[in-house]
Amino acid sequence: MTLKPSIGDGSEPAWRKSSYSDSSNSSECVEIAPSSATIHIRDSKNPGGARLTVTPAAWTAFVGFAAQS
């Protein structure tokens, strides 16, 4: 999986979308904005909606778990 940056104006974090978003279900994707202290997560269909923030360690654990599924 690779990540593609979303276009932003500098006031928002640098959101990235998975390369898997280009598949047949491109409307079903999350975007992430990593920083040194947190990983911000949002629904790509609703970028102004609710956002989830997790620690980098929690994100790493989640990605490792998801990769095994």
PDB file of N, CA and C in Angstrom:
ATOM      1  N   MET A   1       0.848  -1.168   0.000  1.00  0.00           N
ATOM      2  CA  MET A   1       0.000   0.000   0.000  1.00  0.00           C
ATOM      3  C   MET A   1       0.893   1.230   0.000  1.00  0.00           C
ATOM      4  N   THR A   2       0.544   2.179  -0.829  1.00  0.00           N
ATOM      5  CA  THR A   2       1.220   3.468  -0.804  1.00  0.00           C
ATOM      6  C   THR A   2       0.198   4.527  -0.439  1.00  0.00           C
ATOM      7  N   LEU A   3       0.673   5.674  -0.010  1.00  0.00           N
ATOM      8  CA  LEU A   3      -0.216   6.755   0.391  1.00  0.00           C
ATOM      9  C   LEU A   3      -0.046   7.921  -0.554  1.00  0.00           C
ATOM     10  N   LYS A   4      -1.162   8.569  -0.927  1.00  0.00           N
ATOM     11  CA  LYS A   4      -1.132   9.736  -1.789  1.00  0.00           C
ATOM     12  C   LYS A   4      -1.582  10.944  -0.986  1.00  0.00           C
ATOM     13  N   PRO A   5      -0.826  12.061  -1.049  1.00  0.00           N
ATOM     14  CA  PRO A   5      -1.257  13.239  -0.307  1.00  0.00           C
ATOM     15  C   PRO A   5      -2.513  13.850  -0.908  1.00  0.00           C
ATOM     16  N   SER A   6      -3.382  14.377  -0.048  1.00  0.00           N
ATOM     17  CA  SER A   6      -4.544  15.123  -0.489  1.00  0.00           C
ATOM     18  C   SER A   6      -4.146  16.582  -0.662  1.00  0.00           C
ATOM     19  N   ILE A   7      -4.844  17.272  -1.515  1.00  0.00           N
ATOM     20  CA  ILE A   7      -4.571  18.682  -1.725  1.00  0.00           C
ATOM     21  C   ILE A   7      -5.071  19.463  -0.522  1.00  0.00           C
ATOM     22  N   GLY A   8      -4.263  20.352  -0.001  1.00  0.00           N
ATOM     23  CA  GLY A   8      -4.647  21.149   1.156  1.00  0.00           C
ATOM     24  C   GLY A   8      -4.115  22.564   1.030  1.00  0.00           C
ATOM     25  N   ASP A   9      -4.561  23.440   1.889  1.00  0.00           N
ATOM     26  CA  ASP A   9      -4.137  24.837   1.827  1.00  0.00           C
ATOM     27  C   ASP A   9      -3.087  25.181   2.872  1.00  0.00           C
ATOM     28  N   GLY A  10      -2.551  24.225   3.581  1.00  0.00           N
ATOM     29  CA  GLY A  10      -1.531  24.486   4.581  1.00  0.00           C
ATOM     30  C   GLY A  10      -2.086  24.628   5.991  1.00  0.00           C
ATOM     31  N   SER A  11      -3.362  24.940   6.147  1.00  0.00           N
ATOM     32  CA  SER A  11      -3.944  25.063   7.477  1.00  0.00           C
ATOM     33  C   SER A  11      -4.393  23.712   8.018  1.00  0.00           C
ATOM     34  N   GLU A  12      -4.532  22.756   7.172  1.00  0.00           N
ATOM     35  CA  GLU A  12      -4.923  21.399   7.534  1.00  0.00           C
ATOM     36  C   GLU A  12      -3.685  20.517   7.592  1.00  0.00           C
ATOM     37  N   PRO A  13      -3.760  19.423   8.329  1.00  0.00           N
ATOM     38  CA  PRO A  13      -2.661  18.454   8.267  1.00  0.00           C
ATOM     39  C   PRO A  13      -2.551  17.897   6.848  1.00  0.00           C
ATOM     40  N   ALA A  14      -1.437  17.307   6.528  1.00  0.00           N
ATOM     41  CA  ALA A  14      -1.222  16.702   5.210  1.00  0.00           C
ATOM     42  C   ALA A  14      -1.924  15.349   5.164  1.00  0.00           C
ATOM     43  N   TRP A  15      -3.150  15.336   4.659  1.00  0.00           N
ATOM     44  CA  TRP A  15      -3.942  14.109   4.604  1.00  0.00           C
ATOM     45  C   TRP A  15      -3.451  13.225   3.476  1.00  0.00           C
ATOM     46  N   ARG A  16      -3.442  11.924   3.731  1.00  0.00           N
ATOM     47  CA  ARG A  16      -3.005  10.927   2.744  1.00  0.00           C
ATOM     48  C   ARG A  16      -4.068   9.846   2.615  1.00  0.00           C
ATOM     49  N   LYS A  17      -4.233   9.387   1.390  1.00  0.00           N
ATOM     50  CA  LYS A  17      -5.210   8.341   1.115  1.00  0.00           C
ATOM     51  C   LYS A  17      -4.469   7.110   0.585  1.00  0.00           C
ATOM     52  N   SER A  18      -4.919   5.953   0.953  1.00  0.00           N
ATOM     53  CA  SER A  18      -4.305   4.707   0.512  1.00  0.00           C
ATOM     54  C   SER A  18      -4.420   4.542  -0.996  1.00  0.00           C
ATOM     55  N   SER A  19      -3.414   3.918  -1.599  1.00  0.00           N
ATOM     56  CA  SER A  19      -3.471   3.612  -3.032  1.00  0.00           C
ATOM     57  C   SER A  19      -4.601   2.633  -3.338  1.00  0.00           C
ATOM     58  N   TYR A  20      -5.075   1.902  -2.330  1.00  0.00           N
ATOM     59  CA  TYR A  20      -6.199   0.998  -2.532  1.00  0.00           C
ATOM     60  C   TYR A  20      -7.493   1.758  -2.807  1.00  0.00           C
ATOM     61  N   SER A  21      -7.500   3.063  -2.587  1.00  0.00           N
ATOM     62  CA  SER A  21      -8.686   3.875  -2.850  1.00  0.00           C
ATOM     63  C   SER A  21      -9.007   3.941  -4.329  1.00  0.00           C
ATOM     64  N   ASP A  22      -8.055   3.605  -5.167  1.00  0.00           N
ATOM     65  CA  ASP A  22      -8.280   3.625  -6.611  1.00  0.00           C
ATOM     66  C   ASP A  22      -8.938   2.339  -7.105  1.00  0.00           C
ATOM     67  N   SER A  23      -9.301   1.468  -6.181  1.00  0.00           N
ATOM     68  CA  SER A  23      -9.932   0.206  -6.573  1.00  0.00           C
ATOM     69  C   SER A  23     -11.402   0.436  -6.897  1.00  0.00           C
ATOM     70  N   SER A  24     -12.145  -0.600  -7.065  1.00  0.00           N
ATOM     71  CA  SER A  24     -13.561  -0.497  -7.430  1.00  0.00           C
ATOM     72  C   SER A  24     -14.408   0.127  -6.327  1.00  0.00           C
ATOM     73  N   ASN A  25     -13.915   0.168  -5.095  1.00  0.00           N
ATOM     74  CA  ASN A  25     -14.657   0.773  -3.984  1.00  0.00           C
ATOM     75  C   ASN A  25     -13.985   2.055  -3.521  1.00  0.00           C
ATOM     76  N   SER A  26     -13.692   2.953  -4.449  1.00  0.00           N
ATOM     77  CA  SER A  26     -12.936   4.154  -4.109  1.00  0.00           C
ATOM     78  C   SER A  26     -13.673   5.070  -3.148  1.00  0.00           C
ATOM     79  N   SER A  27     -14.984   4.901  -3.013  1.00  0.00           N
ATOM     80  CA  SER A  27     -15.730   5.761  -2.092  1.00  0.00           C
ATOM     81  C   SER A  27     -15.670   5.248  -0.659  1.00  0.00           C
ATOM     82  N   GLU A  28     -15.039   4.123  -0.436  1.00  0.00           N
ATOM     83  CA  GLU A  28     -14.956   3.533   0.901  1.00  0.00           C
ATOM     84  C   GLU A  28     -13.509   3.546   1.376  1.00  0.00           C
ATOM     85  N   CYS A  29     -13.082   4.714   1.839  1.00  0.00           N
ATOM     86  CA  CYS A  29     -11.690   4.819   2.244  1.00  0.00           C
ATOM     87  C   CYS A  29     -11.551   5.813   3.383  1.00  0.00           C
ATOM     88  N   VAL A  30     -10.513   5.624   4.146  1.00  0.00           N
ATOM     89  CA  VAL A  30     -10.146   6.596   5.174  1.00  0.00           C
ATOM     90  C   VAL A  30      -8.892   7.317   4.708  1.00  0.00           C
ATOM     91  N   GLU A  31      -8.672   8.491   5.267  1.00  0.00           N
ATOM     92  CA  GLU A  31      -7.454   9.246   5.040  1.00  0.00           C
ATOM     93  C   GLU A  31      -6.765   9.409   6.386  1.00  0.00           C
ATOM     94  N   ILE A  32      -5.440   9.477   6.348  1.00  0.00           N
ATOM     95  CA  ILE A  32      -4.685   9.704   7.576  1.00  0.00           C
ATOM     96  C   ILE A  32      -3.793  10.923   7.397  1.00  0.00           C
ATOM     97  N   ALA A  33      -3.505  11.568   8.505  1.00  0.00           N
ATOM     98  CA  ALA A  33      -2.559  12.682   8.540  1.00  0.00           C
ATOM     99  C   ALA A  33      -1.603  12.422   9.694  1.00  0.00           C
ATOM    100  N   PRO A  34      -0.453  11.822   9.399  1.00  0.00           N
ATOM    101  CA  PRO A  34       0.480  11.494  10.476  1.00  0.00           C
ATOM    102  C   PRO A  34       1.295  12.705  10.918  1.00  0.00           C
ATOM    103  N   SER A  35       1.585  12.754  12.188  1.00  0.00           N
ATOM    104  CA  SER A  35       2.528  13.722  12.747  1.00  0.00           C
ATOM    105  C   SER A  35       3.407  12.959  13.729  1.00  0.00           C
ATOM    106  N   SER A  36       4.341  13.633  14.331  1.00  0.00           N
ATOM    107  CA  SER A  36       5.239  12.923  15.243  1.00  0.00           C
ATOM    108  C   SER A  36       4.529  12.423  16.499  1.00  0.00           C
ATOM    109  N   ALA A  37       3.457  13.100  16.902  1.00  0.00           N
ATOM    110  CA  ALA A  37       2.780  12.747  18.148  1.00  0.00           C
ATOM    111  C   ALA A  37       1.460  12.023  17.960  1.00  0.00           C
ATOM    112  N   THR A  38       0.804  12.196  16.814  1.00  0.00           N
ATOM    113  CA  THR A  38      -0.523  11.615  16.607  1.00  0.00           C
ATOM    114  C   THR A  38      -0.730  11.207  15.164  1.00  0.00           C
ATOM    115  N   ILE A  39      -1.707  10.343  14.984  1.00  0.00           N
ATOM    116  CA  ILE A  39      -2.191   9.984  13.659  1.00  0.00           C
ATOM    117  C   ILE A  39      -3.652  10.418  13.621  1.00  0.00           C
ATOM    118  N   HIS A  40      -3.991  11.329  12.718  1.00  0.00           N
ATOM    119  CA  HIS A  40      -5.364  11.788  12.549  1.00  0.00           C
ATOM    120  C   HIS A  40      -6.007  10.924  11.466  1.00  0.00           C
ATOM    121  N   ILE A  41      -7.259  10.527  11.682  1.00  0.00           N
ATOM    122  CA  ILE A  41      -7.961   9.638  10.755  1.00  0.00           C
ATOM    123  C   ILE A  41      -9.325  10.253  10.453  1.00  0.00           C
ATOM    124  N   ARG A  42      -9.720  10.251   9.169  1.00  0.00           N
ATOM    125  CA  ARG A  42     -11.032  10.765   8.783  1.00  0.00           C
ATOM    126  C   ARG A  42     -11.588   9.962   7.621  1.00  0.00           C
ATOM    127  N   ASP A  43     -12.882  10.072   7.415  1.00  0.00           N
ATOM    128  CA  ASP A  43     -13.587   9.442   6.303  1.00  0.00           C
ATOM    129  C   ASP A  43     -13.362  10.289   5.057  1.00  0.00           C
ATOM    130  N   SER A  44     -12.861   9.697   3.992  1.00  0.00           N
ATOM    131  CA  SER A  44     -12.575  10.460   2.774  1.00  0.00           C
ATOM    132  C   SER A  44     -13.836  11.018   2.125  1.00  0.00           C
ATOM    133  N   LYS A  45     -14.986  10.417   2.400  1.00  0.00           N
ATOM    134  CA  LYS A  45     -16.253  10.913   1.835  1.00  0.00           C
ATOM    135  C   LYS A  45     -16.766  12.122   2.593  1.00  0.00           C
ATOM    136  N   ASN A  46     -16.287  12.339   3.820  1.00  0.00           N
ATOM    137  CA  ASN A  46     -16.767  13.419   4.666  1.00  0.00           C
ATOM    138  C   ASN A  46     -15.575  14.082   5.363  1.00  0.00           C
ATOM    139  N   PRO A  47     -14.727  14.788   4.605  1.00  0.00           N
ATOM    140  CA  PRO A  47     -13.509  15.342   5.199  1.00  0.00           C
ATOM    141  C   PRO A  47     -13.758  16.381   6.287  1.00  0.00           C
ATOM    142  N   GLY A  48     -14.924  16.984   6.322  1.00  0.00           N
ATOM    143  CA  GLY A  48     -15.232  17.947   7.365  1.00  0.00           C
ATOM    144  C   GLY A  48     -15.901  17.330   8.573  1.00  0.00           C
ATOM    145  N   GLY A  49     -16.116  16.030   8.543  1.00  0.00           N
ATOM    146  CA  GLY A  49     -16.814  15.337   9.621  1.00  0.00           C
ATOM    147  C   GLY A  49     -15.904  14.975  10.779  1.00  0.00           C
ATOM    148  N   ALA A  50     -16.360  14.032  11.544  1.00  0.00           N
ATOM    149  CA  ALA A  50     -15.630  13.578  12.738  1.00  0.00           C
ATOM    150  C   ALA A  50     -14.256  13.039  12.371  1.00  0.00           C
ATOM    151  N   ARG A  51     -13.330  13.230  13.278  1.00  0.00           N
ATOM    152  CA  ARG A  51     -11.970  12.728  13.097  1.00  0.00           C
ATOM    153  C   ARG A  51     -11.563  11.943  14.339  1.00  0.00           C
ATOM    154  N   LEU A  52     -10.753  10.952  14.116  1.00  0.00           N
ATOM    155  CA  LEU A  52     -10.226  10.119  15.186  1.00  0.00           C
ATOM    156  C   LEU A  52      -8.729  10.394  15.280  1.00  0.00           C
ATOM    157  N   THR A  53      -8.219  10.466  16.476  1.00  0.00           N
ATOM    158  CA  THR A  53      -6.781  10.671  16.686  1.00  0.00           C
ATOM    159  C   THR A  53      -6.262   9.544  17.572  1.00  0.00           C
ATOM    160  N   VAL A  54      -5.176   8.915  17.127  1.00  0.00           N
ATOM    161  CA  VAL A  54      -4.553   7.834  17.889  1.00  0.00           C
ATOM    162  C   VAL A  54      -3.052   8.078  17.965  1.00  0.00           C
ATOM    163  N   THR A  55      -2.407   7.373  18.857  1.00  0.00           N
ATOM    164  CA  THR A  55      -0.948   7.479  18.958  1.00  0.00           C
ATOM    165  C   THR A  55      -0.303   6.696  17.811  1.00  0.00           C
ATOM    166  N   PRO A  56       0.918   7.056  17.455  1.00  0.00           N
ATOM    167  CA  PRO A  56       1.613   6.270  16.425  1.00  0.00           C
ATOM    168  C   PRO A  56       1.722   4.782  16.794  1.00  0.00           C
ATOM    169  N   ALA A  57       1.904   4.473  18.080  1.00  0.00           N
ATOM    170  CA  ALA A  57       1.995   3.066  18.502  1.00  0.00           C
ATOM    171  C   ALA A  57       0.676   2.341  18.266  1.00  0.00           C
ATOM    172  N   ALA A  58      -0.440   2.998  18.576  1.00  0.00           N
ATOM    173  CA  ALA A  58      -1.750   2.378  18.345  1.00  0.00           C
ATOM    174  C   ALA A  58      -1.990   2.169  16.855  1.00  0.00           C
ATOM    175  N   TRP A  59      -1.595   3.134  16.030  1.00  0.00           N
ATOM    176  CA  TRP A  59      -1.768   3.010  14.576  1.00  0.00           C
ATOM    177  C   TRP A  59      -0.931   1.856  14.032  1.00  0.00           C
ATOM    178  N   THR A  60       0.309   1.758  14.500  1.00  0.00           N
ATOM    179  CA  THR A  60       1.186   0.669  14.061  1.00  0.00           C
ATOM    180  C   THR A  60       0.593  -0.688  14.427  1.00  0.00           C
ATOM    181  N   ALA A  61       0.057  -0.805  15.624  1.00  0.00           N
ATOM    182  CA  ALA A  61      -0.573  -2.059  16.049  1.00  0.00           C
ATOM    183  C   ALA A  61      -1.793  -2.369  15.194  1.00  0.00           C
ATOM    184  N   PHE A  62      -2.614  -1.355  14.906  1.00  0.00           N
ATOM    185  CA  PHE A  62      -3.797  -1.561  14.076  1.00  0.00           C
ATOM    186  C   PHE A  62      -3.407  -2.021  12.673  1.00  0.00           C
ATOM    187  N   VAL A  63      -2.447  -1.344  12.057  1.00  0.00           N
ATOM    188  CA  VAL A  63      -2.031  -1.694  10.695  1.00  0.00           C
ATOM    189  C   VAL A  63      -1.473  -3.118  10.667  1.00  0.00           C
ATOM    190  N   GLY A  64      -0.696  -3.479  11.670  1.00  0.00           N
ATOM    191  CA  GLY A  64      -0.178  -4.848  11.746  1.00  0.00           C
ATOM    192  C   GLY A  64      -1.278  -5.874  11.855  1.00  0.00           C
ATOM    193  N   PHE A  65      -2.291  -5.581  12.671  1.00  0.00           N
ATOM    194  CA  PHE A  65      -3.435  -6.474  12.809  1.00  0.00           C
ATOM    195  C   PHE A  65      -4.222  -6.558  11.509  1.00  0.00           C
ATOM    196  N   ALA A  66      -4.478  -5.421  10.878  1.00  0.00           N
ATOM    197  CA  ALA A  66      -5.264  -5.384   9.633  1.00  0.00           C
ATOM    198  C   ALA A  66      -4.540  -6.124   8.508  1.00  0.00           C
ATOM    199  N   ALA A  67      -3.237  -6.067   8.484  1.00  0.00           N
ATOM    200  CA  ALA A  67      -2.466  -6.740   7.437  1.00  0.00           C
ATOM    201  C   ALA A  67      -2.571  -8.257   7.549  1.00  0.00           C
ATOM    202  N   GLN A  68      -2.852  -8.764   8.742  1.00  0.00           N
ATOM    203  CA  GLN A  68      -2.966 -10.209   8.949  1.00  0.00           C
ATOM    204  C   GLN A  68      -4.339 -10.722   8.545  1.00  0.00           C
ATOM    205  N   SER A  69      -5.309  -9.852   8.435  1.00  0.00           N
ATOM    206  CA  SER A  69      -6.696 -10.274   8.145  1.00  0.00           C
ATOM    207  C   SER A  69      -6.906 -10.585   6.692  1.00  0.00           C
TER     208      SER A  69
END
